[in-house]
């Protein structure tokens, strides 16, 4: 099975571990196309021209990088050459169907690789009408592809509502279990000496923005501090420029002084040490008119390290957390504080549930399980009758 995998975010080496795993299957010949440069995992990343030994890979120049909807690959001749050279059975496009990049690859595939089946992976979970010309692009792409793979559970009904009648699959992100694993705190502390483990430590990892629910988390922290509980709260990530004034106001409360600590974003390979130092990670995301949580990669990374995750009810979070007792209603600081209290009071002991959490994460999101699931989708598409173009929108 010849697979051409299009994924701009694969400029992050950690993400390519999934492709490494897929390419080792006996009947798989995989080629990767990614962006030459992209901001991923909180840092500006450049394609390093490293071609993995098990499959060829190309980092192509893109215009309007870091814009999911409007970026595109500059050299159309490179696209043509790759299609003609690889003669893919499956073209797997990890880009949204309304994006210019998806439009490019679908259009060129239908001209230069007409026998290829095309699958698109989407993170969308809200019904939003895209502005022109992206609405037209989405209609064209959904009309021309053979199937769609949805990361969020809500995405399945979303594409049905759009009138998409071809193959719809459920897929997910993965966790690299060889990177994210339990470690001794002494080893982890050498990478984060600023973390004080003499008190319970609660952490947050990700973009620090309004929709990530930082205000809810800080309100819950104040409630616990007012009740006499002592702990540290570490916020690790890049602060969105527009959110900086709001965050400054939130942190000006004297009650939070010496409790809340801002840490700069770190490379993916350093996060394992942070997760191991925390007694719990909180993902307090809240749904807006334009966004709700699509997966929550920090959940499975933290769980693979044996660290519990407290998550809001936004989007895919409850499905990924997997335990309702660690899920609170989004925007509800009181409910969040109740769960956090069990951690800081040690009513819930991390050592007692660590192995259970790792087993839960790996049983659903390990590299091998997600690789098998994606390859199964591709094989199903190849063995199914070609989808009628009339079934797409």
Foldseek 3Di string as FASTA:
>chain_A
DEEEEEDQQVLFVVQCVLVVLLLPDPVYAYEYEYAQWAQPLFHIGGNPPDQDPSYGYYHAHWPPHPPQAEIAGDDLVVLLVVCQVRLGQEYEYAGDQLHPHLLSNLVSCVVRNVNHAYEYEDLDQAQDQDDPPSNVSSQVNQLRHQEYEYAFPNVVVNQVVVQQDHHYHYAHAFEALVLQAADDLVVLCVLPVVDDLPAAEEEEEDEADDQQQVLLVLVLVLVVLVVPFAYAYEYEEHYDPVCVVVVVVSCVPPSCPPRYYYHYRDRPSSVSSVLNSHQEYERQGDDDNVDWDRAPVVCLSSLLNLHQYQYEPTTRVCVLSVDVQSYYHHPDSNSNSVSVCCRRVVVPPSVVCRVVSSCVSCVPHHSNNSSVVVVVVSVVSSPDDGDNSVSGD
